[in-house]
Amino acid sequence: MEIILLEAVEGLGARGDRVQVARGFARNYLVPRNLAIMATSAGARVFEDQERARRNRSDKERRAAEALAQKMKDVSVTLHAQVGEDEKLFGSITANDIATVLQAQGFTIDKRQVQLEEPLKVLGVYRVEVKLYQDVSAAIKVWVAKQETE
């Protein structure tokens, strides 16, 4: 039986591939899980409609991410922390802390989008990447400053 894959299936193929599989495998596993559709003329039209809608949605998301990246290219955030000896922080500055400050500035950023290899533990200026879409990211400056005590 010939089917069109709606998702990449290990051992079978990638999204959009037409493959031959056993009738039972297609009817009992692939089609009920929306991994494939039958390769009829109607199935091909359905796949093309879904693919067109997915491309349109992807293009719209990419344009929105690129616009946000342009807005963020000159963004600078300052985080204050208590410091001990040798200008080392008590604790650290994490991706969640950076995302919270960005959200306070009006950007809709999730902590998983902030690309920190490890938390910031020393005072200074850091360049941090914020991944906005698959291959769209923005670099922001993060200033870690000493918290003034009263």
N, C-alpha and C. Protein backbone atom coordinates (compact mmCIF):
# COMPACT_ATOMS: atom_id res chain seq x y z
N MET A 1 0.85 -1.17 0.00
CA MET A 1 0.00 0.00 0.00
C MET A 1 0.90 1.24 0.00
N GLU A 2 0.55 2.21 -0.82
CA GLU A 2 1.34 3.43 -0.91
C GLU A 2 0.71 4.50 -0.03
N ILE A 3 1.57 5.18 0.76
CA ILE A 3 1.12 6.24 1.66
C ILE A 3 2.02 7.47 1.49
N ILE A 4 1.54 8.59 1.99
CA ILE A 4 2.32 9.83 2.04
C ILE A 4 2.56 10.12 3.52
N LEU A 5 3.83 10.27 3.90
CA LEU A 5 4.17 10.52 5.30
C LEU A 5 3.89 11.97 5.67
N LEU A 6 3.19 12.17 6.78
CA LEU A 6 2.90 13.50 7.29
C LEU A 6 3.97 13.95 8.30
N GLU A 7 4.70 13.02 8.84
CA GLU A 7 5.80 13.28 9.77
C GLU A 7 6.94 12.35 9.40
N ALA A 8 8.15 12.70 9.83
CA ALA A 8 9.29 11.82 9.61
C ALA A 8 9.12 10.58 10.48
N VAL A 9 9.26 9.40 9.88
CA VAL A 9 9.14 8.14 10.60
C VAL A 9 10.46 7.40 10.43
N GLU A 10 11.09 7.10 11.55
CA GLU A 10 12.38 6.43 11.51
C GLU A 10 12.26 5.09 10.79
N GLY A 11 13.15 4.87 9.85
CA GLY A 11 13.15 3.63 9.10
C GLY A 11 12.28 3.67 7.85
N LEU A 12 11.42 4.69 7.72
CA LEU A 12 10.55 4.79 6.55
C LEU A 12 10.93 5.96 5.65
N GLY A 13 10.97 7.16 6.21
CA GLY A 13 11.29 8.32 5.39
C GLY A 13 10.96 9.63 6.08
N ALA A 14 11.09 10.69 5.31
CA ALA A 14 10.87 12.04 5.82
C ALA A 14 9.47 12.52 5.47
N ARG A 15 9.10 13.65 6.01
CA ARG A 15 7.80 14.25 5.75
C ARG A 15 7.63 14.47 4.25
N GLY A 16 6.48 14.05 3.71
CA GLY A 16 6.18 14.25 2.30
C GLY A 16 6.60 13.10 1.40
N ASP A 17 7.34 12.14 1.91
CA ASP A 17 7.77 11.00 1.09
C ASP A 17 6.60 10.07 0.81
N ARG A 18 6.59 9.52 -0.40
CA ARG A 18 5.64 8.46 -0.75
C ARG A 18 6.37 7.14 -0.59
N VAL A 19 5.82 6.26 0.25
CA VAL A 19 6.48 4.99 0.52
C VAL A 19 5.48 3.84 0.44
N GLN A 20 6.00 2.67 0.18
CA GLN A 20 5.21 1.44 0.16
C GLN A 20 5.36 0.77 1.51
N VAL A 21 4.23 0.45 2.15
CA VAL A 21 4.24 -0.26 3.43
C VAL A 21 3.17 -1.33 3.40
N ALA A 22 3.23 -2.21 4.37
CA ALA A 22 2.20 -3.25 4.49
C ALA A 22 0.87 -2.59 4.84
N ARG A 23 -0.21 -3.15 4.30
CA ARG A 23 -1.54 -2.60 4.50
C ARG A 23 -1.89 -2.50 5.99
N GLY A 24 -1.58 -3.50 6.77
CA GLY A 24 -1.90 -3.50 8.21
C GLY A 24 -1.12 -2.43 8.96
N PHE A 25 0.15 -2.25 8.60
CA PHE A 25 0.99 -1.23 9.25
C PHE A 25 0.41 0.16 8.99
N ALA A 26 -0.04 0.39 7.78
CA ALA A 26 -0.62 1.68 7.43
C ALA A 26 -1.94 1.90 8.16
N ARG A 27 -2.84 0.93 8.10
CA ARG A 27 -4.17 1.09 8.67
C ARG A 27 -4.19 1.07 10.20
N ASN A 28 -3.33 0.27 10.80
CA ASN A 28 -3.37 0.09 12.25
C ASN A 28 -2.41 1.00 13.01
N TYR A 29 -1.38 1.51 12.36
CA TYR A 29 -0.40 2.30 13.08
C TYR A 29 -0.24 3.71 12.52
N LEU A 30 0.12 3.83 11.26
CA LEU A 30 0.48 5.13 10.69
C LEU A 30 -0.71 6.08 10.56
N VAL A 31 -1.80 5.62 9.98
CA VAL A 31 -2.94 6.49 9.73
C VAL A 31 -3.64 6.90 11.04
N PRO A 32 -3.92 5.98 11.98
CA PRO A 32 -4.58 6.41 13.22
C PRO A 32 -3.76 7.42 14.04
N ARG A 33 -2.45 7.37 13.93
CA ARG A 33 -1.58 8.28 14.68
C ARG A 33 -1.25 9.55 13.89
N ASN A 34 -1.92 9.75 12.77
CA ASN A 34 -1.72 10.91 11.89
C ASN A 34 -0.26 11.07 11.46
N LEU A 35 0.39 9.94 11.23
CA LEU A 35 1.75 9.96 10.70
C LEU A 35 1.75 9.86 9.19
N ALA A 36 0.62 9.42 8.60
CA ALA A 36 0.55 9.23 7.15
C ALA A 36 -0.90 9.29 6.69
N ILE A 37 -1.06 9.51 5.37
CA ILE A 37 -2.37 9.42 4.74
C ILE A 37 -2.22 8.55 3.50
N MET A 38 -3.32 8.01 3.04
CA MET A 38 -3.31 7.17 1.85
C MET A 38 -2.89 8.00 0.64
N ALA A 39 -2.12 7.41 -0.26
CA ALA A 39 -1.58 8.13 -1.42
C ALA A 39 -2.56 8.09 -2.58
N THR A 40 -3.77 8.57 -2.35
CA THR A 40 -4.75 8.70 -3.42
C THR A 40 -4.70 10.14 -3.91
N SER A 41 -5.44 10.45 -4.95
CA SER A 41 -5.44 11.84 -5.44
C SER A 41 -6.03 12.78 -4.37
N ALA A 42 -7.04 12.33 -3.65
CA ALA A 42 -7.62 13.14 -2.58
C ALA A 42 -6.62 13.30 -1.44
N GLY A 43 -5.90 12.23 -1.11
CA GLY A 43 -4.88 12.29 -0.05
C GLY A 43 -3.76 13.24 -0.42
N ALA A 44 -3.37 13.24 -1.70
CA ALA A 44 -2.31 14.14 -2.15
C ALA A 44 -2.77 15.60 -2.04
N ARG A 45 -4.03 15.87 -2.38
CA ARG A 45 -4.55 17.24 -2.25
C ARG A 45 -4.59 17.68 -0.79
N VAL A 46 -5.01 16.77 0.08
CA VAL A 46 -5.05 17.08 1.52
C VAL A 46 -3.65 17.39 2.01
N PHE A 47 -2.67 16.58 1.60
CA PHE A 47 -1.29 16.81 2.02
C PHE A 47 -0.79 18.16 1.51
N GLU A 48 -1.07 18.48 0.25
CA GLU A 48 -0.62 19.75 -0.31
C GLU A 48 -1.26 20.93 0.42
N ASP A 49 -2.55 20.81 0.77
CA ASP A 49 -3.22 21.88 1.53
C ASP A 49 -2.58 22.06 2.90
N GLN A 50 -2.32 20.94 3.58
CA GLN A 50 -1.68 21.01 4.89
C GLN A 50 -0.28 21.60 4.79
N GLU A 51 0.46 21.20 3.78
CA GLU A 51 1.83 21.69 3.58
C GLU A 51 1.83 23.19 3.29
N ARG A 52 0.90 23.64 2.48
CA ARG A 52 0.80 25.07 2.17
C ARG A 52 0.47 25.87 3.42
N ALA A 53 -0.46 25.38 4.22
CA ALA A 53 -0.83 26.06 5.47
C ALA A 53 0.36 26.08 6.44
N ARG A 54 1.10 24.98 6.51
CA ARG A 54 2.27 24.91 7.39
C ARG A 54 3.34 25.91 6.95
N ARG A 55 3.57 26.01 5.63
CA ARG A 55 4.57 26.96 5.11
C ARG A 55 4.14 28.40 5.40
N ASN A 56 2.86 28.70 5.19
CA ASN A 56 2.37 30.05 5.48
C ASN A 56 2.54 30.40 6.95
N ARG A 57 2.20 29.46 7.83
CA ARG A 57 2.34 29.68 9.27
C ARG A 57 3.81 29.86 9.64
N SER A 58 4.67 29.05 9.04
CA SER A 58 6.11 29.14 9.31
C SER A 58 6.68 30.47 8.83
N ASP A 59 6.26 30.92 7.63
CA ASP A 59 6.73 32.20 7.11
C ASP A 59 6.28 33.35 8.00
N LYS A 60 5.05 33.28 8.48
CA LYS A 60 4.53 34.34 9.36
C LYS A 60 5.31 34.38 10.67
N GLU A 61 5.59 33.20 11.24
CA GLU A 61 6.35 33.14 12.49
C GLU A 61 7.78 33.65 12.29
N ARG A 62 8.38 33.33 11.14
CA ARG A 62 9.74 33.79 10.85
C ARG A 62 9.78 35.31 10.72
N ARG A 63 8.82 35.88 10.01
CA ARG A 63 8.78 37.35 9.86
C ARG A 63 8.61 38.04 11.22
N ALA A 64 7.75 37.47 12.07
CA ALA A 64 7.55 38.05 13.40
C ALA A 64 8.84 37.95 14.23
N ALA A 65 9.55 36.83 14.12
CA ALA A 65 10.80 36.66 14.85
C ALA A 65 11.87 37.61 14.34
N GLU A 66 11.93 37.82 13.03
CA GLU A 66 12.92 38.75 12.47
C GLU A 66 12.62 40.18 12.90
N ALA A 67 11.35 40.56 12.97
CA ALA A 67 11.00 41.89 13.43
C ALA A 67 11.37 42.07 14.90
N LEU A 68 11.13 41.04 15.70
CA LEU A 68 11.50 41.09 17.11
C LEU A 68 13.02 41.16 17.28
N ALA A 69 13.75 40.46 16.43
CA ALA A 69 15.22 40.49 16.48
C ALA A 69 15.73 41.89 16.18
N GLN A 70 15.09 42.59 15.23
CA GLN A 70 15.48 43.96 14.93
C GLN A 70 15.25 44.88 16.13
N LYS A 71 14.13 44.68 16.83
CA LYS A 71 13.85 45.49 18.01
C LYS A 71 14.84 45.20 19.14
N MET A 72 15.29 43.95 19.23
CA MET A 72 16.14 43.53 20.34
C MET A 72 17.63 43.76 20.09
N LYS A 73 18.03 44.17 18.91
CA LYS A 73 19.47 44.23 18.61
C LYS A 73 20.21 45.24 19.47
N ASP A 74 19.53 46.27 19.99
CA ASP A 74 20.18 47.27 20.83
C ASP A 74 19.73 47.19 22.29
N VAL A 75 19.11 46.08 22.67
CA VAL A 75 18.60 45.94 24.03
C VAL A 75 19.74 45.64 25.00
N SER A 76 19.66 46.28 26.13
CA SER A 76 20.63 46.06 27.19
C SER A 76 19.85 45.90 28.49
N VAL A 77 20.18 44.89 29.27
CA VAL A 77 19.51 44.68 30.55
C VAL A 77 20.55 44.71 31.66
N THR A 78 20.14 45.22 32.81
CA THR A 78 21.02 45.29 33.96
C THR A 78 20.39 44.49 35.09
N LEU A 79 21.18 43.61 35.65
CA LEU A 79 20.73 42.80 36.79
C LEU A 79 21.66 43.10 37.95
N HIS A 80 21.08 43.31 39.11
CA HIS A 80 21.85 43.61 40.31
C HIS A 80 21.88 42.38 41.20
N ALA A 81 23.05 42.13 41.79
CA ALA A 81 23.20 40.98 42.66
C ALA A 81 24.17 41.32 43.79
N GLN A 82 24.01 40.62 44.88
CA GLN A 82 24.94 40.79 46.00
C GLN A 82 26.24 40.10 45.65
N VAL A 83 27.34 40.73 46.05
CA VAL A 83 28.65 40.16 45.74
C VAL A 83 29.45 39.96 47.01
N GLY A 84 30.36 39.03 46.92
CA GLY A 84 31.26 38.75 48.03
C GLY A 84 32.66 39.14 47.65
N GLU A 85 33.62 38.40 48.13
CA GLU A 85 35.01 38.66 47.83
C GLU A 85 35.30 38.41 46.34
N ASP A 86 36.27 39.09 45.83
CA ASP A 86 36.73 38.95 44.43
C ASP A 86 35.62 39.22 43.42
N GLU A 87 34.64 40.03 43.80
CA GLU A 87 33.56 40.41 42.90
C GLU A 87 32.76 39.21 42.38
N LYS A 88 32.70 38.14 43.16
CA LYS A 88 31.90 36.98 42.78
C LYS A 88 30.52 37.08 43.43
N LEU A 89 29.52 36.65 42.70
CA LEU A 89 28.14 36.76 43.17
C LEU A 89 27.79 35.73 44.22
N PHE A 90 26.89 36.12 45.13
CA PHE A 90 26.25 35.14 45.99
C PHE A 90 25.14 34.55 45.14
N GLY A 91 25.27 33.34 44.72
CA GLY A 91 24.31 32.76 43.79
C GLY A 91 24.75 33.02 42.37
N SER A 92 23.79 33.16 41.46
CA SER A 92 24.13 33.38 40.05
C SER A 92 22.95 34.01 39.33
N ILE A 93 23.23 34.50 38.13
CA ILE A 93 22.20 35.04 37.25
C ILE A 93 21.87 33.95 36.24
N THR A 94 20.60 33.56 36.16
CA THR A 94 20.19 32.47 35.28
C THR A 94 19.40 32.98 34.08
N ALA A 95 19.10 32.08 33.18
CA ALA A 95 18.30 32.42 32.00
C ALA A 95 16.92 32.91 32.42
N ASN A 96 16.38 32.36 33.49
CA ASN A 96 15.08 32.80 33.99
C ASN A 96 15.13 34.25 34.45
N ASP A 97 16.21 34.65 35.12
CA ASP A 97 16.36 36.03 35.56
C ASP A 97 16.39 36.98 34.37
N ILE A 98 17.13 36.62 33.34
CA ILE A 98 17.24 37.45 32.14
C ILE A 98 15.89 37.54 31.43
N ALA A 99 15.19 36.42 31.32
CA ALA A 99 13.88 36.41 30.66
C ALA A 99 12.87 37.26 31.42
N THR A 100 12.94 37.24 32.74
CA THR A 100 12.03 38.04 33.56
C THR A 100 12.24 39.53 33.31
N VAL A 101 13.51 39.95 33.23
CA VAL A 101 13.81 41.37 32.98
C VAL A 101 13.36 41.76 31.57
N LEU A 102 13.57 40.87 30.60
CA LEU A 102 13.13 41.16 29.24
C LEU A 102 11.61 41.27 29.16
N GLN A 103 10.91 40.43 29.90
CA GLN A 103 9.45 40.50 29.92
C GLN A 103 8.99 41.80 30.55
N ALA A 104 9.71 42.28 31.56
CA ALA A 104 9.37 43.56 32.18
C ALA A 104 9.56 44.72 31.20
N GLN A 105 10.46 44.55 30.24
CA GLN A 105 10.70 45.56 29.22
C GLN A 105 9.72 45.46 28.06
N GLY A 106 8.84 44.44 28.08
CA GLY A 106 7.81 44.33 27.06
C GLY A 106 8.06 43.29 25.99
N PHE A 107 9.09 42.47 26.13
CA PHE A 107 9.36 41.41 25.16
C PHE A 107 8.77 40.10 25.66
N THR A 108 8.16 39.34 24.75
CA THR A 108 7.60 38.04 25.13
C THR A 108 8.65 36.97 24.89
N ILE A 109 9.45 36.74 25.91
CA ILE A 109 10.56 35.80 25.84
C ILE A 109 10.38 34.75 26.92
N ASP A 110 10.61 33.49 26.56
CA ASP A 110 10.57 32.40 27.51
C ASP A 110 12.00 32.10 27.95
N LYS A 111 12.16 31.58 29.15
CA LYS A 111 13.50 31.31 29.65
C LYS A 111 14.26 30.30 28.79
N ARG A 112 13.55 29.43 28.09
CA ARG A 112 14.22 28.43 27.24
C ARG A 112 14.82 29.07 26.00
N GLN A 113 14.40 30.28 25.67
CA GLN A 113 14.94 30.97 24.50
C GLN A 113 16.27 31.65 24.80
N VAL A 114 16.54 31.91 26.07
CA VAL A 114 17.80 32.56 26.46
C VAL A 114 18.89 31.49 26.45
N GLN A 115 19.91 31.69 25.62
CA GLN A 115 20.96 30.69 25.42
C GLN A 115 22.16 30.98 26.32
N LEU A 116 22.13 30.46 27.54
CA LEU A 116 23.25 30.59 28.46
C LEU A 116 23.91 29.23 28.61
N GLU A 117 25.21 29.17 28.40
CA GLU A 117 25.91 27.90 28.58
C GLU A 117 25.96 27.53 30.05
N GLU A 118 26.20 28.54 30.89
CA GLU A 118 26.18 28.34 32.33
C GLU A 118 25.77 29.65 32.98
N PRO A 119 25.23 29.59 34.18
CA PRO A 119 24.79 30.82 34.85
C PRO A 119 25.95 31.80 35.04
N LEU A 120 25.61 33.09 35.08
CA LEU A 120 26.62 34.14 35.25
C LEU A 120 26.92 34.30 36.73
N LYS A 121 28.23 34.21 37.11
CA LYS A 121 28.61 34.22 38.52
C LYS A 121 29.59 35.32 38.88
N VAL A 122 29.94 36.17 37.90
CA VAL A 122 30.91 37.23 38.14
C VAL A 122 30.36 38.53 37.57
N LEU A 123 30.68 39.64 38.23
CA LEU A 123 30.26 40.94 37.72
C LEU A 123 30.86 41.18 36.34
N GLY A 124 30.13 41.92 35.50
CA GLY A 124 30.67 42.25 34.19
C GLY A 124 29.58 42.42 33.16
N VAL A 125 30.02 42.54 31.90
CA VAL A 125 29.12 42.69 30.77
C VAL A 125 29.21 41.42 29.93
N TYR A 126 28.07 40.87 29.60
CA TYR A 126 28.02 39.63 28.83
C TYR A 126 27.16 39.83 27.60
N ARG A 127 27.51 39.12 26.56
CA ARG A 127 26.70 39.08 25.34
C ARG A 127 25.95 37.75 25.37
N VAL A 128 24.62 37.83 25.36
CA VAL A 128 23.78 36.64 25.49
C VAL A 128 22.89 36.52 24.26
N GLU A 129 22.84 35.35 23.69
CA GLU A 129 21.97 35.08 22.53
C GLU A 129 20.58 34.70 23.01
N VAL A 130 19.58 35.25 22.33
CA VAL A 130 18.18 34.90 22.57
C VAL A 130 17.66 34.30 21.27
N LYS A 131 17.34 33.02 21.31
CA LYS A 131 16.87 32.33 20.11
C LYS A 131 15.37 32.58 19.95
N LEU A 132 15.01 33.25 18.86
CA LEU A 132 13.62 33.64 18.64
C LEU A 132 12.87 32.69 17.72
N TYR A 133 13.59 32.05 16.80
CA TYR A 133 13.00 31.10 15.87
C TYR A 133 14.09 30.12 15.50
N GLN A 134 13.83 29.20 14.61
CA GLN A 134 14.78 28.14 14.28
C GLN A 134 16.19 28.67 14.03
N ASP A 135 16.34 29.64 13.14
CA ASP A 135 17.67 30.18 12.86
C ASP A 135 17.70 31.70 13.00
N VAL A 136 16.77 32.25 13.76
CA VAL A 136 16.73 33.68 14.01
C VAL A 136 17.02 33.90 15.49
N SER A 137 18.07 34.68 15.76
CA SER A 137 18.39 34.99 17.15
C SER A 137 18.84 36.43 17.25
N ALA A 138 18.83 36.94 18.46
CA ALA A 138 19.25 38.31 18.73
C ALA A 138 20.25 38.28 19.87
N ALA A 139 21.27 39.13 19.77
CA ALA A 139 22.26 39.23 20.83
C ALA A 139 21.92 40.45 21.68
N ILE A 140 21.87 40.24 22.99
CA ILE A 140 21.61 41.35 23.90
C ILE A 140 22.79 41.47 24.86
N LYS A 141 22.94 42.67 25.44
CA LYS A 141 23.97 42.88 26.45
C LYS A 141 23.33 42.71 27.82
N VAL A 142 24.02 41.94 28.65
CA VAL A 142 23.56 41.74 30.02
C VAL A 142 24.64 42.31 30.94
N TRP A 143 24.27 43.31 31.71
CA TRP A 143 25.17 43.92 32.67
C TRP A 143 24.86 43.33 34.03
N VAL A 144 25.85 42.73 34.66
CA VAL A 144 25.70 42.21 36.01
C VAL A 144 26.43 43.21 36.92
N ALA A 145 25.65 43.89 37.75
CA ALA A 145 26.19 44.96 38.59
C ALA A 145 26.02 44.63 40.06
N LYS A 146 26.81 45.31 40.86
CA LYS A 146 26.79 45.12 42.31
C LYS A 146 25.54 45.78 42.88
N GLN A 147 24.86 45.06 43.75
CA GLN A 147 23.67 45.59 44.38
C GLN A 147 24.10 46.50 45.53
N GLU A 148 23.55 47.70 45.53
CA GLU A 148 23.89 48.67 46.57
C GLU A 148 23.18 48.27 47.85
N THR A 149 23.90 48.25 48.95
CA THR A 149 23.32 47.93 50.24
C THR A 149 23.04 49.22 51.00
N GLU A 150 21.99 49.21 51.76
CA GLU A 150 21.63 50.43 52.50
C GLU A 150 22.15 50.37 53.90
